[in-house]
Amino acid sequence: MRGVPSVADVLGEAAFRVVRGNPGPDELAALVAVVSVVRARAAAAPAGPDRPAAPRATWDRPDDTYSSPLAWVAG
């Protein structure tokens, strides 16, 4: 058929595709909204070394272990 794009052409332009499951229209709309916002923020963010690094969570670092309030007292 002439004028009708192939599946490969459509998937090549898609921002995402559903691989498993059967999302409803509301779920797809929510996903499109999130992907659109993330893409817009990435395009608006400065690129290169001037871009600030994302803060890293420190909860898993060993120096953040619990110390007893009396740990400083010499025995």
N, C-alpha and C. Protein backbone atom coordinates (compact mmCIF):
# COMPACT_ATOMS: atom_id res chain seq x y z
N MET A 1 0.84 -1.19 0.00
CA MET A 1 0.00 0.00 0.00
C MET A 1 0.88 1.23 0.00
N ARG A 2 0.51 2.14 -0.83
CA ARG A 2 1.25 3.36 -0.95
C ARG A 2 0.72 4.40 0.02
N GLY A 3 1.65 5.17 0.66
CA GLY A 3 1.25 6.23 1.57
C GLY A 3 1.04 5.78 3.01
N VAL A 4 1.04 4.49 3.23
CA VAL A 4 0.87 3.97 4.60
C VAL A 4 2.25 3.59 5.12
N PRO A 5 2.67 4.18 6.27
CA PRO A 5 4.00 3.85 6.79
C PRO A 5 4.06 2.42 7.30
N SER A 6 5.24 1.84 7.19
CA SER A 6 5.41 0.47 7.67
C SER A 6 5.53 0.47 9.20
N VAL A 7 5.40 -0.69 9.78
CA VAL A 7 5.53 -0.81 11.24
C VAL A 7 6.92 -0.37 11.68
N ALA A 8 7.95 -0.70 10.92
CA ALA A 8 9.32 -0.31 11.26
C ALA A 8 9.46 1.21 11.27
N ASP A 9 8.82 1.90 10.31
CA ASP A 9 8.88 3.36 10.27
C ASP A 9 8.20 3.97 11.49
N VAL A 10 7.06 3.42 11.86
CA VAL A 10 6.32 3.95 13.01
C VAL A 10 7.09 3.71 14.30
N LEU A 11 7.63 2.50 14.48
CA LEU A 11 8.38 2.19 15.69
C LEU A 11 9.70 2.95 15.74
N GLY A 12 10.26 3.28 14.60
CA GLY A 12 11.49 4.07 14.57
C GLY A 12 11.28 5.47 15.08
N GLU A 13 10.08 6.00 14.95
CA GLU A 13 9.77 7.35 15.39
C GLU A 13 9.17 7.39 16.79
N ALA A 14 8.76 6.26 17.31
CA ALA A 14 8.08 6.22 18.61
C ALA A 14 9.07 6.51 19.74
N ALA A 15 8.59 7.21 20.77
CA ALA A 15 9.41 7.48 21.94
C ALA A 15 9.51 6.25 22.82
N PHE A 16 8.53 5.38 22.75
CA PHE A 16 8.52 4.15 23.51
C PHE A 16 7.57 3.18 22.85
N ARG A 17 7.63 1.94 23.29
CA ARG A 17 6.67 0.95 22.81
C ARG A 17 6.33 0.02 23.96
N VAL A 18 5.15 -0.49 23.94
CA VAL A 18 4.68 -1.42 24.97
C VAL A 18 5.15 -2.81 24.57
N VAL A 19 5.95 -3.42 25.42
CA VAL A 19 6.50 -4.73 25.13
C VAL A 19 5.67 -5.82 25.77
N ARG A 20 5.15 -5.53 26.94
CA ARG A 20 4.39 -6.54 27.67
C ARG A 20 3.24 -5.85 28.39
N GLY A 21 2.14 -6.52 28.50
CA GLY A 21 0.99 -5.98 29.21
C GLY A 21 0.00 -5.34 28.25
N ASN A 22 -1.04 -4.82 28.82
CA ASN A 22 -2.09 -4.19 28.03
C ASN A 22 -2.53 -2.91 28.73
N PRO A 23 -1.74 -1.83 28.59
CA PRO A 23 -2.10 -0.59 29.28
C PRO A 23 -3.34 0.04 28.68
N GLY A 24 -4.09 0.69 29.53
CA GLY A 24 -5.28 1.39 29.08
C GLY A 24 -4.94 2.78 28.58
N PRO A 25 -5.91 3.48 28.05
CA PRO A 25 -5.66 4.82 27.53
C PRO A 25 -5.14 5.80 28.59
N ASP A 26 -5.64 5.68 29.82
CA ASP A 26 -5.17 6.57 30.88
C ASP A 26 -3.71 6.29 31.23
N GLU A 27 -3.33 5.03 31.27
CA GLU A 27 -1.95 4.67 31.58
C GLU A 27 -1.00 5.14 30.48
N LEU A 28 -1.41 4.97 29.23
CA LEU A 28 -0.57 5.46 28.12
C LEU A 28 -0.45 6.97 28.14
N ALA A 29 -1.54 7.66 28.45
CA ALA A 29 -1.50 9.12 28.52
C ALA A 29 -0.55 9.58 29.62
N ALA A 30 -0.57 8.91 30.77
CA ALA A 30 0.34 9.26 31.86
C ALA A 30 1.79 9.02 31.44
N LEU A 31 2.05 7.92 30.77
CA LEU A 31 3.41 7.63 30.32
C LEU A 31 3.89 8.65 29.29
N VAL A 32 3.03 9.03 28.37
CA VAL A 32 3.39 10.04 27.37
C VAL A 32 3.70 11.36 28.06
N ALA A 33 2.93 11.73 29.06
CA ALA A 33 3.17 12.98 29.79
C ALA A 33 4.53 12.95 30.48
N VAL A 34 4.84 11.85 31.14
CA VAL A 34 6.12 11.75 31.85
C VAL A 34 7.29 11.76 30.88
N VAL A 35 7.19 11.00 29.81
CA VAL A 35 8.28 10.97 28.82
C VAL A 35 8.46 12.34 28.19
N SER A 36 7.38 13.05 27.93
CA SER A 36 7.47 14.38 27.33
C SER A 36 8.17 15.36 28.26
N VAL A 37 7.84 15.31 29.54
CA VAL A 37 8.47 16.22 30.50
C VAL A 37 9.96 15.90 30.65
N VAL A 38 10.30 14.63 30.74
CA VAL A 38 11.70 14.24 30.87
C VAL A 38 12.50 14.67 29.65
N ARG A 39 11.92 14.48 28.48
CA ARG A 39 12.62 14.89 27.25
C ARG A 39 12.79 16.40 27.18
N ALA A 40 11.76 17.14 27.56
CA ALA A 40 11.85 18.60 27.53
C ALA A 40 12.90 19.10 28.51
N ARG A 41 12.95 18.51 29.70
CA ARG A 41 13.96 18.93 30.70
C ARG A 41 15.36 18.59 30.22
N ALA A 42 15.52 17.44 29.59
CA ALA A 42 16.84 17.05 29.09
C ALA A 42 17.29 17.98 27.98
N ALA A 43 16.37 18.40 27.13
CA ALA A 43 16.72 19.31 26.04
C ALA A 43 17.04 20.70 26.56
N ALA A 44 16.39 21.12 27.65
CA ALA A 44 16.60 22.46 28.19
C ALA A 44 17.82 22.53 29.10
N ALA A 45 18.30 21.40 29.60
CA ALA A 45 19.43 21.38 30.53
C ALA A 45 20.71 21.69 29.78
N PRO A 46 21.62 22.39 30.45
CA PRO A 46 22.92 22.66 29.80
C PRO A 46 23.69 21.37 29.60
N ALA A 47 24.43 21.32 28.54
CA ALA A 47 25.21 20.12 28.23
C ALA A 47 26.68 20.37 28.53
N GLY A 48 27.39 19.30 28.76
CA GLY A 48 28.82 19.43 28.94
C GLY A 48 29.24 19.60 30.38
N PRO A 49 30.47 20.11 30.59
CA PRO A 49 31.02 20.21 31.94
C PRO A 49 30.32 21.26 32.82
N ASP A 50 29.58 22.19 32.23
CA ASP A 50 28.88 23.21 33.02
C ASP A 50 27.64 22.66 33.69
N ARG A 51 27.20 21.52 33.25
CA ARG A 51 26.00 20.91 33.81
C ARG A 51 26.31 20.36 35.20
N PRO A 52 25.57 20.77 36.21
CA PRO A 52 25.86 20.25 37.56
C PRO A 52 25.52 18.77 37.67
N ALA A 53 26.30 18.08 38.45
CA ALA A 53 26.06 16.66 38.65
C ALA A 53 24.85 16.46 39.54
N ALA A 54 24.12 15.42 39.27
CA ALA A 54 22.96 15.09 40.10
C ALA A 54 23.44 14.69 41.48
N PRO A 55 22.74 15.13 42.52
CA PRO A 55 23.18 14.75 43.87
C PRO A 55 23.04 13.24 44.08
N ARG A 56 23.99 12.68 44.76
CA ARG A 56 23.99 11.24 45.02
C ARG A 56 23.44 10.98 46.41
N ALA A 57 22.63 9.97 46.50
CA ALA A 57 22.10 9.59 47.81
C ALA A 57 23.25 9.08 48.68
N THR A 58 23.23 9.46 49.94
CA THR A 58 24.33 9.06 50.83
C THR A 58 23.90 8.03 51.86
N TRP A 59 22.71 7.54 51.78
CA TRP A 59 22.23 6.61 52.80
C TRP A 59 22.98 5.28 52.80
N ASP A 60 23.60 4.94 51.66
CA ASP A 60 24.28 3.65 51.58
C ASP A 60 25.78 3.73 51.82
N ARG A 61 26.28 4.89 52.20
CA ARG A 61 27.71 5.03 52.44
C ARG A 61 28.08 4.54 53.83
N PRO A 62 29.23 3.87 53.96
CA PRO A 62 29.59 3.31 55.25
C PRO A 62 29.82 4.36 56.33
N ASP A 63 30.21 5.58 55.98
CA ASP A 63 30.45 6.60 57.00
C ASP A 63 29.16 7.15 57.59
N ASP A 64 28.02 6.73 57.08
CA ASP A 64 26.74 7.17 57.62
C ASP A 64 26.13 6.14 58.57
N THR A 65 26.97 5.28 59.13
CA THR A 65 26.45 4.27 60.03
C THR A 65 26.08 4.90 61.36
N TYR A 66 25.23 4.24 62.08
CA TYR A 66 24.77 4.75 63.36
C TYR A 66 25.88 4.67 64.40
N SER A 67 26.04 5.75 65.14
CA SER A 67 26.96 5.76 66.26
C SER A 67 26.17 6.10 67.51
N SER A 68 26.44 5.39 68.56
CA SER A 68 25.75 5.65 69.82
C SER A 68 26.11 7.03 70.33
N PRO A 69 25.18 7.72 70.99
CA PRO A 69 25.51 9.03 71.56
C PRO A 69 26.66 8.94 72.58
N LEU A 70 26.89 7.77 73.12
CA LEU A 70 27.97 7.61 74.12
C LEU A 70 29.25 7.07 73.49
N ALA A 71 29.33 6.99 72.16
CA ALA A 71 30.48 6.43 71.49
C ALA A 71 31.73 7.28 71.71
N TRP A 72 31.59 8.53 71.99
CA TRP A 72 32.75 9.42 72.16
C TRP A 72 33.34 9.31 73.57
N VAL A 73 32.62 8.71 74.50
CA VAL A 73 33.08 8.61 75.87
C VAL A 73 34.19 7.57 75.96
N ALA A 74 35.31 7.95 76.55
CA ALA A 74 36.44 7.02 76.72
C ALA A 74 36.08 6.04 77.83
N GLY A 75 36.38 4.78 77.61
CA GLY A 75 36.01 3.74 78.54
C GLY A 75 36.99 3.59 79.60
